[in-house]
Amino acid sequence: SLRSVIWKEKTWQLELYSDIFSDSLPQMARQIFASTLSCFLVEKETILTGYRGQRRILRIPAGIRQIAPEVFRDILMLEEVEIPETVTDIGARAFHQTAWLENQRQKSPLVTVNHILLDGSQCKGDVTVPAHIRQICGWAFAGGMDIRRIRFLSESLKVGEYAFRNCIGLEEM
């Protein structure tokens, strides 16, 4: 969660993940920021591919555009996640078996972030996916035994693999 470094009465801000590679920050500030973000495995400066930590509260750095499949899977203690607006793609089961996802399910049977439907497995009966949804993650509705119909209001929709796996009661889309 480190957002600024103050050294010798000068302050440097970390706005985006890619700032740790920028020459606009002094080497010392870049090293400090990089060390605080070392729990994340990031490829091509924008794709979060792994997490080596056990936090209860987590802030994904701004500038990350994609969260790969299963990155936070089975991190049971993960209760709060801040996902920046820069994230436009989330892989299948990225938050599977986390306390955070379970808390989100309690709030709504359709768990969405940044126009991405992460989970709808707790839905029942007729389900309407809102027009603002642009992506349905892989495995999003998997195991939704009580879903009968799904209606999509979006004109453009990306659907991940196995999004409707084992929806044995699904009759109509």
N, C-alpha and C. Protein backbone atom coordinates (compact mmCIF):
# COMPACT_ATOMS: atom_id res chain seq x y z
N SER A 1 0.81 -1.21 0.00
CA SER A 1 0.00 0.00 0.00
C SER A 1 0.84 1.27 0.00
N LEU A 2 2.15 1.12 -0.06
CA LEU A 2 3.02 2.29 -0.06
C LEU A 2 2.74 3.15 -1.28
N ARG A 3 2.47 4.43 -1.04
CA ARG A 3 2.14 5.34 -2.15
C ARG A 3 3.15 6.46 -2.30
N SER A 4 3.94 6.73 -1.25
CA SER A 4 4.93 7.79 -1.38
C SER A 4 6.16 7.49 -0.53
N VAL A 5 7.30 8.00 -0.98
CA VAL A 5 8.57 7.91 -0.27
C VAL A 5 9.04 9.33 0.00
N ILE A 6 9.36 9.60 1.25
CA ILE A 6 9.87 10.91 1.63
C ILE A 6 11.31 10.71 2.10
N TRP A 7 12.21 11.47 1.49
CA TRP A 7 13.62 11.35 1.84
C TRP A 7 14.26 12.71 1.66
N LYS A 8 14.94 13.16 2.70
CA LYS A 8 15.60 14.46 2.69
C LYS A 8 14.64 15.56 2.24
N GLU A 9 13.45 15.55 2.84
CA GLU A 9 12.42 16.57 2.62
C GLU A 9 11.89 16.61 1.19
N LYS A 10 12.12 15.56 0.43
CA LYS A 10 11.56 15.46 -0.91
C LYS A 10 10.63 14.25 -0.95
N THR A 11 9.50 14.39 -1.66
CA THR A 11 8.50 13.33 -1.72
C THR A 11 8.36 12.83 -3.15
N TRP A 12 8.33 11.49 -3.29
CA TRP A 12 8.09 10.85 -4.58
C TRP A 12 6.83 10.00 -4.45
N GLN A 13 5.96 10.10 -5.45
CA GLN A 13 4.70 9.36 -5.47
C GLN A 13 4.80 8.18 -6.43
N LEU A 14 4.14 7.09 -6.06
CA LEU A 14 3.99 5.95 -6.96
C LEU A 14 2.57 6.01 -7.51
N GLU A 15 2.44 6.35 -8.76
CA GLU A 15 1.12 6.46 -9.39
C GLU A 15 0.72 5.15 -10.06
N LEU A 16 1.65 4.58 -10.83
CA LEU A 16 1.41 3.36 -11.58
C LEU A 16 2.51 2.34 -11.29
N TYR A 17 2.19 1.07 -11.46
CA TYR A 17 3.19 0.03 -11.24
C TYR A 17 4.44 0.29 -12.07
N SER A 18 4.26 0.72 -13.30
CA SER A 18 5.39 0.93 -14.21
C SER A 18 6.34 2.04 -13.73
N ASP A 19 5.92 2.85 -12.75
CA ASP A 19 6.80 3.89 -12.22
C ASP A 19 8.08 3.33 -11.62
N ILE A 20 8.06 2.05 -11.21
CA ILE A 20 9.28 1.47 -10.62
C ILE A 20 10.37 1.28 -11.67
N PHE A 21 10.03 1.46 -12.95
CA PHE A 21 11.00 1.36 -14.03
C PHE A 21 11.35 2.73 -14.61
N SER A 22 10.74 3.77 -14.10
CA SER A 22 10.87 5.10 -14.68
C SER A 22 12.12 5.83 -14.17
N ASP A 23 12.80 6.50 -15.09
CA ASP A 23 13.95 7.31 -14.70
C ASP A 23 13.54 8.61 -14.03
N SER A 24 12.25 8.90 -14.01
CA SER A 24 11.79 10.13 -13.35
C SER A 24 11.87 10.03 -11.82
N LEU A 25 12.00 8.80 -11.32
CA LEU A 25 12.20 8.59 -9.88
C LEU A 25 13.66 8.26 -9.63
N PRO A 26 14.22 8.73 -8.54
CA PRO A 26 15.60 8.35 -8.23
C PRO A 26 15.68 6.85 -7.93
N GLN A 27 16.85 6.28 -8.16
CA GLN A 27 17.07 4.85 -7.96
C GLN A 27 16.63 4.39 -6.57
N MET A 28 16.94 5.16 -5.55
CA MET A 28 16.58 4.79 -4.18
C MET A 28 15.06 4.64 -4.04
N ALA A 29 14.28 5.58 -4.57
CA ALA A 29 12.82 5.52 -4.47
C ALA A 29 12.28 4.33 -5.27
N ARG A 30 12.85 4.09 -6.47
CA ARG A 30 12.42 2.94 -7.27
C ARG A 30 12.66 1.63 -6.53
N GLN A 31 13.81 1.51 -5.87
CA GLN A 31 14.13 0.29 -5.13
C GLN A 31 13.17 0.08 -3.96
N ILE A 32 12.84 1.14 -3.27
CA ILE A 32 11.91 1.02 -2.14
C ILE A 32 10.53 0.59 -2.65
N PHE A 33 10.04 1.26 -3.68
CA PHE A 33 8.73 0.89 -4.23
C PHE A 33 8.76 -0.56 -4.74
N ALA A 34 9.81 -0.93 -5.45
CA ALA A 34 9.91 -2.28 -5.99
C ALA A 34 9.92 -3.33 -4.88
N SER A 35 10.59 -3.03 -3.79
CA SER A 35 10.64 -4.01 -2.70
C SER A 35 9.27 -4.19 -2.04
N THR A 36 8.49 -3.12 -1.96
CA THR A 36 7.15 -3.26 -1.37
C THR A 36 6.19 -4.00 -2.30
N LEU A 37 6.48 -3.99 -3.59
CA LEU A 37 5.63 -4.67 -4.57
C LEU A 37 6.17 -6.04 -4.96
N SER A 38 7.22 -6.50 -4.28
CA SER A 38 7.86 -7.76 -4.66
C SER A 38 7.00 -8.98 -4.39
N CYS A 39 5.90 -8.83 -3.66
CA CYS A 39 4.99 -9.96 -3.45
C CYS A 39 4.21 -10.28 -4.72
N PHE A 40 4.18 -9.34 -5.67
CA PHE A 40 3.47 -9.54 -6.93
C PHE A 40 4.43 -10.02 -8.01
N LEU A 41 4.00 -10.97 -8.81
CA LEU A 41 4.75 -11.38 -9.99
C LEU A 41 4.05 -10.72 -11.18
N VAL A 42 4.77 -9.86 -11.88
CA VAL A 42 4.18 -9.08 -12.96
C VAL A 42 4.98 -9.30 -14.23
N GLU A 43 4.27 -9.59 -15.32
CA GLU A 43 4.91 -9.75 -16.62
C GLU A 43 4.53 -8.58 -17.51
N LYS A 44 5.43 -8.18 -18.36
CA LYS A 44 5.21 -7.10 -19.32
C LYS A 44 4.68 -5.83 -18.66
N GLU A 45 5.02 -5.62 -17.41
CA GLU A 45 4.70 -4.43 -16.63
C GLU A 45 3.20 -4.22 -16.37
N THR A 46 2.33 -5.08 -16.92
CA THR A 46 0.89 -4.85 -16.74
C THR A 46 0.09 -6.11 -16.42
N ILE A 47 0.71 -7.29 -16.46
CA ILE A 47 -0.03 -8.54 -16.25
C ILE A 47 0.38 -9.16 -14.93
N LEU A 48 -0.55 -9.18 -13.99
CA LEU A 48 -0.31 -9.78 -12.67
C LEU A 48 -0.47 -11.29 -12.81
N THR A 49 0.63 -12.03 -12.69
CA THR A 49 0.61 -13.47 -12.92
C THR A 49 0.78 -14.30 -11.65
N GLY A 50 1.15 -13.66 -10.55
CA GLY A 50 1.34 -14.42 -9.32
C GLY A 50 1.36 -13.51 -8.11
N TYR A 51 1.17 -14.14 -6.97
CA TYR A 51 1.18 -13.42 -5.69
C TYR A 51 1.86 -14.30 -4.66
N ARG A 52 2.90 -13.76 -4.03
CA ARG A 52 3.64 -14.49 -2.99
C ARG A 52 3.44 -13.78 -1.67
N GLY A 53 2.28 -13.87 -1.14
CA GLY A 53 2.00 -13.21 0.12
C GLY A 53 0.80 -13.84 0.80
N GLN A 54 0.57 -13.43 2.00
CA GLN A 54 -0.56 -13.91 2.79
C GLN A 54 -1.13 -12.72 3.55
N ARG A 55 -1.79 -11.84 2.84
CA ARG A 55 -2.33 -10.63 3.45
C ARG A 55 -3.83 -10.77 3.64
N ARG A 56 -4.35 -10.03 4.58
CA ARG A 56 -5.79 -9.95 4.81
C ARG A 56 -6.39 -8.84 3.94
N ILE A 57 -5.62 -7.77 3.77
CA ILE A 57 -6.04 -6.61 2.97
C ILE A 57 -5.00 -6.40 1.88
N LEU A 58 -5.47 -6.19 0.65
CA LEU A 58 -4.56 -6.11 -0.48
C LEU A 58 -4.99 -5.00 -1.43
N ARG A 59 -4.01 -4.24 -1.89
CA ARG A 59 -4.26 -3.23 -2.92
C ARG A 59 -3.43 -3.59 -4.14
N ILE A 60 -4.11 -3.89 -5.24
CA ILE A 60 -3.43 -4.19 -6.49
C ILE A 60 -2.96 -2.86 -7.07
N PRO A 61 -1.71 -2.77 -7.49
CA PRO A 61 -1.18 -1.49 -7.97
C PRO A 61 -1.89 -0.97 -9.22
N ALA A 62 -2.12 0.32 -9.26
CA ALA A 62 -2.66 0.96 -10.46
C ALA A 62 -1.69 0.73 -11.61
N GLY A 63 -2.22 0.59 -12.79
CA GLY A 63 -1.39 0.31 -13.96
C GLY A 63 -1.46 -1.15 -14.38
N ILE A 64 -1.82 -2.02 -13.43
CA ILE A 64 -2.02 -3.43 -13.78
C ILE A 64 -3.27 -3.50 -14.65
N ARG A 65 -3.17 -4.15 -15.79
CA ARG A 65 -4.30 -4.23 -16.72
C ARG A 65 -4.98 -5.60 -16.70
N GLN A 66 -4.21 -6.62 -16.34
CA GLN A 66 -4.76 -7.97 -16.40
C GLN A 66 -4.35 -8.75 -15.16
N ILE A 67 -5.29 -9.52 -14.62
CA ILE A 67 -5.01 -10.45 -13.52
C ILE A 67 -5.17 -11.84 -14.11
N ALA A 68 -4.10 -12.60 -14.10
CA ALA A 68 -4.10 -13.93 -14.70
C ALA A 68 -4.98 -14.90 -13.91
N PRO A 69 -5.34 -16.03 -14.52
CA PRO A 69 -6.16 -17.02 -13.81
C PRO A 69 -5.51 -17.50 -12.51
N GLU A 70 -6.34 -17.69 -11.50
CA GLU A 70 -6.00 -18.32 -10.23
C GLU A 70 -4.90 -17.63 -9.42
N VAL A 71 -4.64 -16.37 -9.67
CA VAL A 71 -3.56 -15.66 -8.97
C VAL A 71 -3.74 -15.68 -7.45
N PHE A 72 -4.95 -15.43 -6.98
CA PHE A 72 -5.20 -15.36 -5.54
C PHE A 72 -5.98 -16.58 -5.03
N ARG A 73 -6.14 -17.58 -5.86
CA ARG A 73 -6.92 -18.76 -5.52
C ARG A 73 -6.44 -19.39 -4.22
N ASP A 74 -7.39 -19.74 -3.37
CA ASP A 74 -7.16 -20.45 -2.11
C ASP A 74 -6.41 -19.64 -1.05
N ILE A 75 -6.32 -18.33 -1.20
CA ILE A 75 -5.75 -17.51 -0.13
C ILE A 75 -6.92 -17.15 0.78
N LEU A 76 -7.22 -18.06 1.67
CA LEU A 76 -8.42 -18.00 2.50
C LEU A 76 -8.52 -16.73 3.33
N MET A 77 -7.38 -16.22 3.78
CA MET A 77 -7.41 -15.06 4.68
C MET A 77 -7.63 -13.73 3.95
N LEU A 78 -7.62 -13.72 2.63
CA LEU A 78 -7.77 -12.49 1.86
C LEU A 78 -9.21 -11.98 1.96
N GLU A 79 -9.39 -10.90 2.74
CA GLU A 79 -10.73 -10.39 3.04
C GLU A 79 -11.09 -9.13 2.27
N GLU A 80 -10.12 -8.28 2.00
CA GLU A 80 -10.38 -7.01 1.31
C GLU A 80 -9.42 -6.87 0.15
N VAL A 81 -9.96 -6.48 -1.01
CA VAL A 81 -9.14 -6.29 -2.20
C VAL A 81 -9.54 -4.97 -2.86
N GLU A 82 -8.55 -4.16 -3.14
CA GLU A 82 -8.79 -2.94 -3.91
C GLU A 82 -8.25 -3.19 -5.32
N ILE A 83 -9.15 -3.17 -6.29
CA ILE A 83 -8.79 -3.43 -7.68
C ILE A 83 -8.89 -2.11 -8.45
N PRO A 84 -7.79 -1.64 -9.02
CA PRO A 84 -7.82 -0.34 -9.70
C PRO A 84 -8.62 -0.39 -11.00
N GLU A 85 -9.06 0.77 -11.44
CA GLU A 85 -9.82 0.89 -12.69
C GLU A 85 -9.01 0.45 -13.90
N THR A 86 -7.69 0.41 -13.78
CA THR A 86 -6.86 0.01 -14.92
C THR A 86 -7.02 -1.47 -15.27
N VAL A 87 -7.54 -2.28 -14.34
CA VAL A 87 -7.73 -3.71 -14.60
C VAL A 87 -8.93 -3.89 -15.52
N THR A 88 -8.68 -4.45 -16.71
CA THR A 88 -9.75 -4.65 -17.70
C THR A 88 -9.95 -6.11 -18.06
N ASP A 89 -9.17 -7.01 -17.47
CA ASP A 89 -9.28 -8.43 -17.77
C ASP A 89 -8.89 -9.23 -16.53
N ILE A 90 -9.75 -10.14 -16.13
CA ILE A 90 -9.47 -10.99 -14.97
C ILE A 90 -9.67 -12.44 -15.38
N GLY A 91 -8.65 -13.25 -15.13
CA GLY A 91 -8.69 -14.65 -15.52
C GLY A 91 -9.58 -15.50 -14.63
N ALA A 92 -9.85 -16.69 -15.12
CA ALA A 92 -10.73 -17.64 -14.42
C ALA A 92 -10.25 -17.92 -13.01
N ARG A 93 -11.18 -17.93 -12.11
CA ARG A 93 -10.98 -18.29 -10.69
C ARG A 93 -9.84 -17.51 -10.02
N ALA A 94 -9.62 -16.29 -10.46
CA ALA A 94 -8.54 -15.48 -9.89
C ALA A 94 -8.70 -15.28 -8.38
N PHE A 95 -9.93 -15.25 -7.89
CA PHE A 95 -10.18 -15.02 -6.47
C PHE A 95 -10.93 -16.20 -5.83
N HIS A 96 -10.92 -17.34 -6.47
CA HIS A 96 -11.64 -18.53 -6.00
C HIS A 96 -11.17 -18.92 -4.59
N GLN A 97 -12.11 -19.24 -3.75
CA GLN A 97 -11.85 -19.69 -2.37
C GLN A 97 -11.15 -18.63 -1.51
N THR A 98 -11.50 -17.36 -1.72
CA THR A 98 -11.00 -16.30 -0.83
C THR A 98 -12.18 -15.78 -0.01
N ALA A 99 -11.88 -15.27 1.16
CA ALA A 99 -12.92 -14.65 1.98
C ALA A 99 -13.50 -13.43 1.27
N TRP A 100 -12.67 -12.74 0.50
CA TRP A 100 -13.15 -11.56 -0.23
C TRP A 100 -14.28 -11.94 -1.19
N LEU A 101 -14.07 -13.00 -1.98
CA LEU A 101 -15.11 -13.40 -2.94
C LEU A 101 -16.37 -13.82 -2.19
N GLU A 102 -16.22 -14.54 -1.11
CA GLU A 102 -17.39 -14.95 -0.33
C GLU A 102 -18.14 -13.74 0.21
N ASN A 103 -17.43 -12.73 0.68
CA ASN A 103 -18.07 -11.49 1.15
C ASN A 103 -18.81 -10.79 0.02
N GLN A 104 -18.22 -10.78 -1.18
CA GLN A 104 -18.87 -10.15 -2.33
C GLN A 104 -20.14 -10.90 -2.71
N ARG A 105 -20.11 -12.22 -2.60
CA ARG A 105 -21.30 -13.03 -2.90
C ARG A 105 -22.44 -12.73 -1.93
N GLN A 106 -22.09 -12.41 -0.70
CA GLN A 106 -23.12 -12.06 0.29
C GLN A 106 -23.81 -10.76 -0.08
N LYS A 107 -23.07 -9.85 -0.71
CA LYS A 107 -23.63 -8.56 -1.12
C LYS A 107 -24.52 -8.69 -2.36
N SER A 108 -24.12 -9.56 -3.29
CA SER A 108 -24.86 -9.72 -4.54
C SER A 108 -24.50 -11.07 -5.16
N PRO A 109 -25.49 -11.78 -5.72
CA PRO A 109 -25.16 -13.06 -6.37
C PRO A 109 -24.35 -12.87 -7.67
N LEU A 110 -24.38 -11.66 -8.26
CA LEU A 110 -23.53 -11.35 -9.40
C LEU A 110 -22.37 -10.48 -8.90
N VAL A 111 -21.21 -11.06 -8.81
CA VAL A 111 -20.03 -10.34 -8.33
C VAL A 111 -19.33 -9.72 -9.54
N THR A 112 -19.30 -8.38 -9.56
CA THR A 112 -18.70 -7.67 -10.69
C THR A 112 -17.65 -6.67 -10.21
N VAL A 113 -16.65 -6.47 -11.06
CA VAL A 113 -15.60 -5.47 -10.83
C VAL A 113 -15.22 -4.90 -12.19
N ASN A 114 -15.22 -3.59 -12.32
CA ASN A 114 -14.75 -2.93 -13.56
C ASN A 114 -15.39 -3.51 -14.82
N HIS A 115 -16.69 -3.73 -14.82
CA HIS A 115 -17.43 -4.26 -15.97
C HIS A 115 -17.09 -5.72 -16.27
N ILE A 116 -16.57 -6.42 -15.27
CA ILE A 116 -16.20 -7.82 -15.41
C ILE A 116 -17.04 -8.62 -14.42
N LEU A 117 -17.71 -9.67 -14.91
CA LEU A 117 -18.48 -10.53 -14.02
C LEU A 117 -17.55 -11.65 -13.56
N LEU A 118 -17.20 -11.61 -12.27
CA LEU A 118 -16.28 -12.61 -11.72
C LEU A 118 -17.00 -13.89 -11.33
N ASP A 119 -18.21 -13.73 -10.76
CA ASP A 119 -18.89 -14.89 -10.20
C ASP A 119 -20.39 -14.68 -10.22
N GLY A 120 -21.10 -15.73 -10.63
CA GLY A 120 -22.55 -15.73 -10.60
C GLY A 120 -23.07 -17.09 -10.19
N SER A 121 -22.20 -17.89 -9.60
CA SER A 121 -22.54 -19.27 -9.27
C SER A 121 -23.63 -19.40 -8.20
N GLN A 122 -23.88 -18.34 -7.45
CA GLN A 122 -24.89 -18.40 -6.40
C GLN A 122 -26.28 -17.96 -6.88
N CYS A 123 -26.37 -17.58 -8.16
CA CYS A 123 -27.65 -17.13 -8.73
C CYS A 123 -28.65 -18.27 -8.78
N LYS A 124 -29.92 -17.88 -8.81
CA LYS A 124 -31.01 -18.86 -8.89
C LYS A 124 -32.04 -18.37 -9.90
N GLY A 125 -32.71 -19.30 -10.57
CA GLY A 125 -33.80 -18.95 -11.46
C GLY A 125 -33.35 -18.22 -12.70
N ASP A 126 -34.03 -17.11 -12.99
CA ASP A 126 -33.71 -16.28 -14.16
C ASP A 126 -32.67 -15.24 -13.78
N VAL A 127 -31.61 -15.16 -14.57
CA VAL A 127 -30.50 -14.24 -14.31
C VAL A 127 -30.39 -13.27 -15.48
N THR A 128 -30.25 -11.98 -15.18
CA THR A 128 -30.01 -10.98 -16.20
C THR A 128 -28.63 -10.38 -15.98
N VAL A 129 -27.78 -10.51 -16.99
CA VAL A 129 -26.44 -9.93 -16.93
C VAL A 129 -26.55 -8.52 -17.50
N PRO A 130 -26.23 -7.50 -16.67
CA PRO A 130 -26.41 -6.10 -17.09
C PRO A 130 -25.62 -5.71 -18.34
N ALA A 131 -26.08 -4.66 -19.00
CA ALA A 131 -25.47 -4.18 -20.25
C ALA A 131 -24.04 -3.70 -20.06
N HIS A 132 -23.69 -3.24 -18.87
CA HIS A 132 -22.33 -2.70 -18.67
C HIS A 132 -21.26 -3.80 -18.57
N ILE A 133 -21.66 -5.04 -18.46
CA ILE A 133 -20.70 -6.15 -18.35
C ILE A 133 -20.08 -6.41 -19.72
N ARG A 134 -18.74 -6.43 -19.77
CA ARG A 134 -18.00 -6.65 -21.01
C ARG A 134 -17.29 -8.01 -21.03
N GLN A 135 -17.12 -8.61 -19.83
CA GLN A 135 -16.42 -9.90 -19.74
C GLN A 135 -17.10 -10.76 -18.69
N ILE A 136 -17.25 -12.04 -19.02
CA ILE A 136 -17.66 -13.04 -18.04
C ILE A 136 -16.46 -13.95 -17.87
N CYS A 137 -15.92 -13.98 -16.68
CA CYS A 137 -14.72 -14.77 -16.42
C CYS A 137 -14.99 -16.26 -16.59
N GLY A 138 -13.95 -16.98 -16.92
CA GLY A 138 -14.04 -18.44 -16.96
C GLY A 138 -14.48 -18.95 -15.61
N TRP A 139 -15.36 -19.93 -15.62
CA TRP A 139 -15.90 -20.57 -14.42
C TRP A 139 -16.85 -19.67 -13.62
N ALA A 140 -17.26 -18.54 -14.17
CA ALA A 140 -18.07 -17.58 -13.42
C ALA A 140 -19.39 -18.16 -12.89
N PHE A 141 -20.08 -18.94 -13.69
CA PHE A 141 -21.35 -19.52 -13.26
C PHE A 141 -21.21 -21.00 -12.90
N ALA A 142 -20.01 -21.53 -12.94
CA ALA A 142 -19.79 -22.97 -12.74
C ALA A 142 -20.44 -23.46 -11.45
N GLY A 143 -21.16 -24.55 -11.59
CA GLY A 143 -21.83 -25.14 -10.43
C GLY A 143 -23.13 -24.45 -10.06
N GLY A 144 -23.59 -23.53 -10.88
CA GLY A 144 -24.85 -22.82 -10.60
C GLY A 144 -26.03 -23.72 -10.92
N MET A 145 -26.29 -24.67 -10.07
CA MET A 145 -27.30 -25.70 -10.29
C MET A 145 -28.73 -25.15 -10.36
N ASP A 146 -28.96 -24.01 -9.73
CA ASP A 146 -30.32 -23.47 -9.66
C ASP A 146 -30.60 -22.39 -10.70
N ILE A 147 -29.69 -22.19 -11.64
CA ILE A 147 -29.89 -21.20 -12.70
C ILE A 147 -30.71 -21.86 -13.82
N ARG A 148 -31.80 -21.21 -14.21
CA ARG A 148 -32.67 -21.74 -15.27
C ARG A 148 -32.47 -21.02 -16.60
N ARG A 149 -32.38 -19.70 -16.53
CA ARG A 149 -32.23 -18.90 -17.74
C ARG A 149 -31.22 -17.78 -17.48
N ILE A 150 -30.48 -17.43 -18.54
CA ILE A 150 -29.56 -16.29 -18.45
C ILE A 150 -29.83 -15.39 -19.64
N ARG A 151 -30.02 -14.12 -19.34
CA ARG A 151 -30.27 -13.12 -20.38
C ARG A 151 -29.11 -12.12 -20.35
N PHE A 152 -28.54 -11.85 -21.52
CA PHE A 152 -27.43 -10.92 -21.64
C PHE A 152 -27.92 -9.63 -22.27
N LEU A 153 -27.64 -8.50 -21.64
CA LEU A 153 -28.06 -7.21 -22.17
C LEU A 153 -26.95 -6.49 -22.93
N SER A 154 -25.73 -6.99 -22.83
CA SER A 154 -24.59 -6.35 -23.48
C SER A 154 -24.56 -6.67 -24.98
N GLU A 155 -24.14 -5.68 -25.75
CA GLU A 155 -23.97 -5.87 -27.20
C GLU A 155 -22.66 -6.61 -27.52
N SER A 156 -21.67 -6.45 -26.66
CA SER A 156 -20.35 -7.04 -26.88
C SER A 156 -19.91 -7.71 -25.58
N LEU A 157 -19.61 -9.00 -25.68
CA LEU A 157 -19.32 -9.75 -24.47
C LEU A 157 -18.25 -10.80 -24.73
N LYS A 158 -17.22 -10.81 -23.89
CA LYS A 158 -16.17 -11.83 -23.94
C LYS A 158 -16.51 -12.86 -22.85
N VAL A 159 -16.54 -14.13 -23.22
CA VAL A 159 -16.90 -15.18 -22.27
C VAL A 159 -15.73 -16.14 -22.12
N GLY A 160 -15.29 -16.35 -20.88
CA GLY A 160 -14.17 -17.23 -20.59
C GLY A 160 -14.55 -18.70 -20.63
N GLU A 161 -13.52 -19.54 -20.68
CA GLU A 161 -13.73 -20.99 -20.73
C GLU A 161 -14.49 -21.50 -19.51
N TYR A 162 -15.33 -22.47 -19.75
CA TYR A 162 -16.09 -23.16 -18.71
C TYR A 162 -16.95 -22.22 -17.87
N ALA A 163 -17.33 -21.09 -18.43
CA ALA A 163 -18.14 -20.12 -17.68
C ALA A 163 -19.44 -20.71 -17.17
N PHE A 164 -19.98 -21.72 -17.87
CA PHE A 164 -21.27 -22.30 -17.48
C PHE A 164 -21.15 -23.78 -17.14
N ARG A 165 -19.98 -24.20 -16.76
CA ARG A 165 -19.72 -25.61 -16.44
C ARG A 165 -20.64 -26.07 -15.30
N ASN A 166 -21.22 -27.23 -15.49
CA ASN A 166 -22.09 -27.88 -14.50
C ASN A 166 -23.30 -27.05 -14.11
N CYS A 167 -23.78 -26.21 -15.01
CA CYS A 167 -25.06 -25.51 -14.80
C CYS A 167 -26.15 -26.44 -15.35
N ILE A 168 -26.37 -27.54 -14.66
CA ILE A 168 -27.21 -28.62 -15.21
C ILE A 168 -28.68 -28.24 -15.30
N GLY A 169 -29.12 -27.21 -14.60
CA GLY A 169 -30.51 -26.78 -14.69
C GLY A 169 -30.73 -25.68 -15.72
N LEU A 170 -29.67 -25.25 -16.40
CA LEU A 170 -29.77 -24.16 -17.36
C LEU A 170 -30.53 -24.61 -18.60
N GLU A 171 -31.64 -23.93 -18.88
CA GLU A 171 -32.51 -24.30 -20.01
C GLU A 171 -32.40 -23.36 -21.19
N GLU A 172 -32.09 -22.10 -20.91
CA GLU A 172 -32.16 -21.10 -21.99
C GLU A 172 -31.19 -19.95 -21.74
N MET A 173 -30.59 -19.48 -22.87
CA MET A 173 -29.74 -18.29 -22.83
C MET A 173 -30.20 -17.33 -23.90
